[in-house]
């Protein structure tokens, strides 16, 4: 991977994953729904998995610079 795109992609994934993780944690802590029309536990778990996956992808991209 070229340096510029790898850094940009890694930062985008890391920022998205971190923001999604914080947003999900705040919604769960306030007992507000994470997704409309879905069971709260399932939506929080899926959003958490997506956040962790984005953080892992961001880390992977940044380590391959």
PDB file of N, CA and C in Angstrom:
ATOM      1  N   UNK A   1       0.834  -1.176   0.000  1.00  0.00           N
ATOM      2  CA  UNK A   1       0.000   0.000   0.000  1.00  0.00           C
ATOM      3  C   UNK A   1       0.883   1.246   0.000  1.00  0.00           C
ATOM      4  N   UNK A   2       0.479   2.245  -0.708  1.00  0.00           N
ATOM      5  CA  UNK A   2       1.232   3.493  -0.699  1.00  0.00           C
ATOM      6  C   UNK A   2       1.011   4.205   0.622  1.00  0.00           C
ATOM      7  N   UNK A   3       1.954   5.037   1.005  1.00  0.00           N
ATOM      8  CA  UNK A   3       1.895   5.678   2.317  1.00  0.00           C
ATOM      9  C   UNK A   3       0.704   6.616   2.482  1.00  0.00           C
ATOM     10  N   UNK A   4       0.492   7.513   1.549  1.00  0.00           N
ATOM     11  CA  UNK A   4      -0.572   8.506   1.679  1.00  0.00           C
ATOM     12  C   UNK A   4      -1.950   7.891   1.816  1.00  0.00           C
ATOM     13  N   UNK A   5      -2.354   7.039   0.875  1.00  0.00           N
ATOM     14  CA  UNK A   5      -3.667   6.403   0.997  1.00  0.00           C
ATOM     15  C   UNK A   5      -3.791   5.507   2.228  1.00  0.00           C
ATOM     16  N   UNK A   6      -2.706   4.848   2.621  1.00  0.00           N
ATOM     17  CA  UNK A   6      -2.767   3.976   3.794  1.00  0.00           C
ATOM     18  C   UNK A   6      -2.992   4.791   5.064  1.00  0.00           C
ATOM     19  N   UNK A   7      -2.313   5.912   5.177  1.00  0.00           N
ATOM     20  CA  UNK A   7      -2.495   6.767   6.351  1.00  0.00           C
ATOM     21  C   UNK A   7      -3.901   7.343   6.372  1.00  0.00           C
ATOM     22  N   UNK A   8      -4.362   7.840   5.231  1.00  0.00           N
ATOM     23  CA  UNK A   8      -5.706   8.408   5.155  1.00  0.00           C
ATOM     24  C   UNK A   8      -6.762   7.357   5.496  1.00  0.00           C
ATOM     25  N   UNK A   9      -6.662   6.184   4.884  1.00  0.00           N
ATOM     26  CA  UNK A   9      -7.642   5.126   5.118  1.00  0.00           C
ATOM     27  C   UNK A   9      -7.603   4.657   6.562  1.00  0.00           C
ATOM     28  N   UNK A  10      -6.417   4.484   7.098  1.00  0.00           N
ATOM     29  CA  UNK A  10      -6.283   4.056   8.487  1.00  0.00           C
ATOM     30  C   UNK A  10      -6.893   5.059   9.451  1.00  0.00           C
ATOM     31  N   UNK A  11      -6.673   6.337   9.212  1.00  0.00           N
ATOM     32  CA  UNK A  11      -7.235   7.366  10.086  1.00  0.00           C
ATOM     33  C   UNK A  11      -8.757   7.426   9.962  1.00  0.00           C
ATOM     34  N   UNK A  12      -9.276   7.285   8.754  1.00  0.00           N
ATOM     35  CA  UNK A  12     -10.730   7.299   8.574  1.00  0.00           C
ATOM     36  C   UNK A  12     -11.368   6.134   9.318  1.00  0.00           C
ATOM     37  N   UNK A  13     -10.821   4.937   9.161  1.00  0.00           N
ATOM     38  CA  UNK A  13     -11.361   3.775   9.866  1.00  0.00           C
ATOM     39  C   UNK A  13     -11.242   3.949  11.377  1.00  0.00           C
ATOM     40  N   UNK A  14     -10.107   4.439  11.849  1.00  0.00           N
ATOM     41  CA  UNK A  14      -9.901   4.606  13.286  1.00  0.00           C
ATOM     42  C   UNK A  14     -10.859   5.658  13.867  1.00  0.00           C
ATOM     43  N   UNK A  15     -11.014   6.768  13.194  1.00  0.00           N
ATOM     44  CA  UNK A  15     -11.921   7.807  13.682  1.00  0.00           C
ATOM     45  C   UNK A  15     -13.375   7.335  13.656  1.00  0.00           C
ATOM     46  N   UNK A  16     -13.768   6.673  12.585  1.00  0.00           N
ATOM     47  CA  UNK A  16     -15.129   6.154  12.494  1.00  0.00           C
ATOM     48  C   UNK A  16     -15.390   5.119  13.584  1.00  0.00           C
ATOM     49  N   UNK A  17     -14.464   4.186  13.750  1.00  0.00           N
ATOM     50  CA  UNK A  17     -14.637   3.144  14.760  1.00  0.00           C
ATOM     51  C   UNK A  17     -14.695   3.715  16.169  1.00  0.00           C
ATOM     52  N   UNK A  18     -13.821   4.660  16.455  1.00  0.00           N
ATOM     53  CA  UNK A  18     -13.834   5.281  17.776  1.00  0.00           C
ATOM     54  C   UNK A  18     -15.110   6.060  18.035  1.00  0.00           C
ATOM     55  N   UNK A  19     -15.544   6.830  17.042  1.00  0.00           N
ATOM     56  CA  UNK A  19     -16.769   7.616  17.196  1.00  0.00           C
ATOM     57  C   UNK A  19     -17.985   6.707  17.343  1.00  0.00           C
ATOM     58  N   UNK A  20     -18.050   5.645  16.565  1.00  0.00           N
ATOM     59  CA  UNK A  20     -19.175   4.715  16.661  1.00  0.00           C
ATOM     60  C   UNK A  20     -19.194   4.017  18.013  1.00  0.00           C
ATOM     61  N   UNK A  21     -18.026   3.659  18.514  1.00  0.00           N
ATOM     62  CA  UNK A  21     -17.943   3.002  19.809  1.00  0.00           C
ATOM     63  C   UNK A  21     -18.395   3.938  20.930  1.00  0.00           C
ATOM     64  N   UNK A  22     -17.951   5.183  20.894  1.00  0.00           N
ATOM     65  CA  UNK A  22     -18.359   6.160  21.911  1.00  0.00           C
ATOM     66  C   UNK A  22     -19.857   6.428  21.816  1.00  0.00           C
ATOM     67  N   UNK A  23     -20.358   6.623  20.604  1.00  0.00           N
ATOM     68  CA  UNK A  23     -21.781   6.901  20.414  1.00  0.00           C
ATOM     69  C   UNK A  23     -22.636   5.747  20.927  1.00  0.00           C
ATOM     70  N   UNK A  24     -22.236   4.530  20.609  1.00  0.00           N
ATOM     71  CA  UNK A  24     -22.983   3.358  21.058  1.00  0.00           C
ATOM     72  C   UNK A  24     -22.962   3.258  22.582  1.00  0.00           C
ATOM     73  N   UNK A  25     -21.803   3.495  23.180  1.00  0.00           N
ATOM     74  CA  UNK A  25     -21.704   3.425  24.641  1.00  0.00           C
ATOM     75  C   UNK A  25     -22.584   4.475  25.317  1.00  0.00           C
ATOM     76  N   UNK A  26     -22.620   5.674  24.757  1.00  0.00           N
ATOM     77  CA  UNK A  26     -23.459   6.726  25.328  1.00  0.00           C
ATOM     78  C   UNK A  26     -24.933   6.362  25.205  1.00  0.00           C
ATOM     79  N   UNK A  27     -25.345   5.856  24.049  1.00  0.00           N
ATOM     80  CA  UNK A  27     -26.751   5.475  23.864  1.00  0.00           C
ATOM     81  C   UNK A  27     -27.151   4.349  24.816  1.00  0.00           C
ATOM     82  N   UNK A  28     -26.280   3.362  24.991  1.00  0.00           N
ATOM     83  CA  UNK A  28     -26.585   2.238  25.874  1.00  0.00           C
ATOM     84  C   UNK A  28     -26.632   2.720  27.329  1.00  0.00           C
ATOM     85  N   UNK A  29     -25.707   3.576  27.698  1.00  0.00           N
ATOM     86  CA  UNK A  29     -25.669   4.064  29.076  1.00  0.00           C
ATOM     87  C   UNK A  29     -26.920   4.875  29.429  1.00  0.00           C
ATOM     88  N   UNK A  30     -27.432   5.638  28.462  1.00  0.00           N
ATOM     89  CA  UNK A  30     -28.648   6.428  28.692  1.00  0.00           C
ATOM     90  C   UNK A  30     -29.918   5.609  28.480  1.00  0.00           C
ATOM     91  N   UNK A  31     -29.747   4.334  28.128  1.00  0.00           N
ATOM     92  CA  UNK A  31     -30.869   3.421  27.851  1.00  0.00           C
ATOM     93  C   UNK A  31     -31.743   3.927  26.703  1.00  0.00           C
ATOM     94  N   UNK A  32     -31.102   4.510  25.706  1.00  0.00           N
ATOM     95  CA  UNK A  32     -31.784   4.955  24.497  1.00  0.00           C
ATOM     96  C   UNK A  32     -31.540   3.919  23.404  1.00  0.00           C
ATOM     97  N   UNK A  33     -32.442   3.821  22.433  1.00  0.00           N
ATOM     98  CA  UNK A  33     -32.235   2.817  21.382  1.00  0.00           C
ATOM     99  C   UNK A  33     -31.043   3.168  20.488  1.00  0.00           C
ATOM    100  N   UNK A  34     -30.317   2.138  20.108  1.00  0.00           N
ATOM    101  CA  UNK A  34     -29.188   2.318  19.189  1.00  0.00           C
ATOM    102  C   UNK A  34     -29.699   2.326  17.753  1.00  0.00           C
ATOM    103  N   UNK A  35     -30.693   1.492  17.468  1.00  0.00           N
ATOM    104  CA  UNK A  35     -31.317   1.449  16.151  1.00  0.00           C
ATOM    105  C   UNK A  35     -32.822   1.323  16.343  1.00  0.00           C
ATOM    106  N   UNK A  36     -33.568   2.001  15.503  1.00  0.00           N
ATOM    107  CA  UNK A  36     -35.026   1.979  15.627  1.00  0.00           C
ATOM    108  C   UNK A  36     -35.587   0.656  15.117  1.00  0.00           C
ATOM    109  N   UNK A  37     -36.490   0.079  15.887  1.00  0.00           N
ATOM    110  CA  UNK A  37     -37.177  -1.128  15.456  1.00  0.00           C
ATOM    111  C   UNK A  37     -36.399  -2.416  15.633  1.00  0.00           C
ATOM    112  N   UNK A  38     -35.300  -2.371  16.374  1.00  0.00           N
ATOM    113  CA  UNK A  38     -34.474  -3.562  16.588  1.00  0.00           C
ATOM    114  C   UNK A  38     -34.321  -3.750  18.096  1.00  0.00           C
ATOM    115  N   UNK A  39     -34.171  -4.996  18.514  1.00  0.00           N
ATOM    116  CA  UNK A  39     -33.970  -5.245  19.948  1.00  0.00           C
ATOM    117  C   UNK A  39     -32.725  -4.495  20.430  1.00  0.00           C
ATOM    118  N   UNK A  40     -32.779  -3.876  21.608  1.00  0.00           N
ATOM    119  CA  UNK A  40     -31.657  -3.069  22.101  1.00  0.00           C
ATOM    120  C   UNK A  40     -30.346  -3.837  22.236  1.00  0.00           C
ATOM    121  N   UNK A  41     -30.406  -5.060  22.726  1.00  0.00           N
ATOM    122  CA  UNK A  41     -29.179  -5.839  22.905  1.00  0.00           C
ATOM    123  C   UNK A  41     -28.556  -6.183  21.554  1.00  0.00           C
ATOM    124  N   UNK A  42     -29.377  -6.584  20.606  1.00  0.00           N
ATOM    125  CA  UNK A  42     -28.867  -6.950  19.281  1.00  0.00           C
ATOM    126  C   UNK A  42     -28.269  -5.750  18.564  1.00  0.00           C
ATOM    127  N   UNK A  43     -28.939  -4.609  18.634  1.00  0.00           N
ATOM    128  CA  UNK A  43     -28.425  -3.432  17.929  1.00  0.00           C
ATOM    129  C   UNK A  43     -27.148  -2.921  18.570  1.00  0.00           C
ATOM    130  N   UNK A  44     -27.067  -2.953  19.900  1.00  0.00           N
ATOM    131  CA  UNK A  44     -25.844  -2.514  20.578  1.00  0.00           C
ATOM    132  C   UNK A  44     -24.682  -3.454  20.270  1.00  0.00           C
ATOM    133  N   UNK A  45     -24.959  -4.743  20.247  1.00  0.00           N
ATOM    134  CA  UNK A  45     -23.907  -5.713  19.942  1.00  0.00           C
ATOM    135  C   UNK A  45     -23.405  -5.562  18.511  1.00  0.00           C
ATOM    136  N   UNK A  46     -24.325  -5.394  17.574  1.00  0.00           N
ATOM    137  CA  UNK A  46     -23.917  -5.234  16.177  1.00  0.00           C
ATOM    138  C   UNK A  46     -23.136  -3.941  15.960  1.00  0.00           C
ATOM    139  N   UNK A  47     -23.582  -2.854  16.585  1.00  0.00           N
ATOM    140  CA  UNK A  47     -22.864  -1.585  16.461  1.00  0.00           C
ATOM    141  C   UNK A  47     -21.491  -1.682  17.111  1.00  0.00           C
ATOM    142  N   UNK A  48     -21.414  -2.372  18.234  1.00  0.00           N
ATOM    143  CA  UNK A  48     -20.114  -2.564  18.890  1.00  0.00           C
ATOM    144  C   UNK A  48     -19.165  -3.389  18.043  1.00  0.00           C
ATOM    145  N   UNK A  49     -19.687  -4.431  17.423  1.00  0.00           N
ATOM    146  CA  UNK A  49     -18.851  -5.253  16.532  1.00  0.00           C
ATOM    147  C   UNK A  49     -18.358  -4.453  15.324  1.00  0.00           C
ATOM    148  N   UNK A  50     -19.229  -3.650  14.757  1.00  0.00           N
ATOM    149  CA  UNK A  50     -18.833  -2.815  13.618  1.00  0.00           C
ATOM    150  C   UNK A  50     -17.762  -1.809  14.036  1.00  0.00           C
ATOM    151  N   UNK A  51     -17.895  -1.252  15.231  1.00  0.00           N
ATOM    152  CA  UNK A  51     -16.907  -0.295  15.720  1.00  0.00           C
ATOM    153  C   UNK A  51     -15.551  -0.963  15.933  1.00  0.00           C
ATOM    154  N   UNK A  52     -15.562  -2.124  16.555  1.00  0.00           N
ATOM    155  CA  UNK A  52     -14.308  -2.842  16.790  1.00  0.00           C
ATOM    156  C   UNK A  52     -13.669  -3.269  15.468  1.00  0.00           C
ATOM    157  N   UNK A  53     -14.488  -3.708  14.526  1.00  0.00           N
ATOM    158  CA  UNK A  53     -13.953  -4.094  13.214  1.00  0.00           C
ATOM    159  C   UNK A  53     -13.313  -2.901  12.515  1.00  0.00           C
ATOM    160  N   UNK A  54     -13.940  -1.727  12.600  1.00  0.00           N
ATOM    161  CA  UNK A  54     -13.368  -0.530  11.987  1.00  0.00           C
ATOM    162  C   UNK A  54     -12.062  -0.145  12.669  1.00  0.00           C
ATOM    163  N   UNK A  55     -12.007  -0.268  13.993  1.00  0.00           N
ATOM    164  CA  UNK A  55     -10.758   0.028  14.701  1.00  0.00           C
ATOM    165  C   UNK A  55      -9.643  -0.947  14.320  1.00  0.00           C
ATOM    166  N   UNK A  56      -9.985  -2.203  14.170  1.00  0.00           N
ATOM    167  CA  UNK A  56      -8.985  -3.199  13.768  1.00  0.00           C
ATOM    168  C   UNK A  56      -8.487  -2.914  12.348  1.00  0.00           C
ATOM    169  N   UNK A  57      -9.408  -2.586  11.438  1.00  0.00           N
ATOM    170  CA  UNK A  57      -8.997  -2.250  10.069  1.00  0.00           C
ATOM    171  C   UNK A  57      -8.119  -1.001  10.047  1.00  0.00           C
ATOM    172  N   UNK A  58      -8.472  -0.014  10.836  1.00  0.00           N
ATOM    173  CA  UNK A  58      -7.652   1.203  10.913  1.00  0.00           C
ATOM    174  C   UNK A  58      -6.266   0.906  11.440  1.00  0.00           C
ATOM    175  N   UNK A  59      -6.191   0.091  12.465  1.00  0.00           N
ATOM    176  CA  UNK A  59      -4.891  -0.289  13.023  1.00  0.00           C
ATOM    177  C   UNK A  59      -4.070  -1.067  12.001  1.00  0.00           C
ATOM    178  N   UNK A  60      -4.719  -1.976  11.302  1.00  0.00           N
ATOM    179  CA  UNK A  60      -4.019  -2.757  10.288  1.00  0.00           C
ATOM    180  C   UNK A  60      -3.455  -1.854   9.188  1.00  0.00           C
ATOM    181  N   UNK A  61      -4.266  -0.905   8.733  1.00  0.00           N
ATOM    182  CA  UNK A  61      -3.805   0.003   7.676  1.00  0.00           C
ATOM    183  C   UNK A  61      -2.622   0.844   8.168  1.00  0.00           C
ATOM    184  N   UNK A  62      -2.695   1.318   9.392  1.00  0.00           N
ATOM    185  CA  UNK A  62      -1.626   2.168   9.917  1.00  0.00           C
ATOM    186  C   UNK A  62      -0.356   1.406  10.210  1.00  0.00           C
ATOM    187  N   UNK A  63      -0.454   0.115  10.504  1.00  0.00           N
ATOM    188  CA  UNK A  63       0.757  -0.661  10.751  1.00  0.00           C
ATOM    189  C   UNK A  63       1.440  -1.097   9.464  1.00  0.00           C
ATOM    190  N   UNK A  64       0.743  -0.995   8.342  1.00  0.00           N
ATOM    191  CA  UNK A  64       1.327  -1.370   7.049  1.00  0.00           C
ATOM    192  C   UNK A  64       1.815  -0.155   6.255  1.00  0.00           C
ATOM    193  N   UNK A  65       2.129   0.901   6.952  1.00  0.00           N
ATOM    194  CA  UNK A  65       2.599   2.126   6.283  1.00  0.00           C
ATOM    195  C   UNK A  65       4.049   1.964   5.963  1.00  0.00           C
TER     196      UNK A  65
END
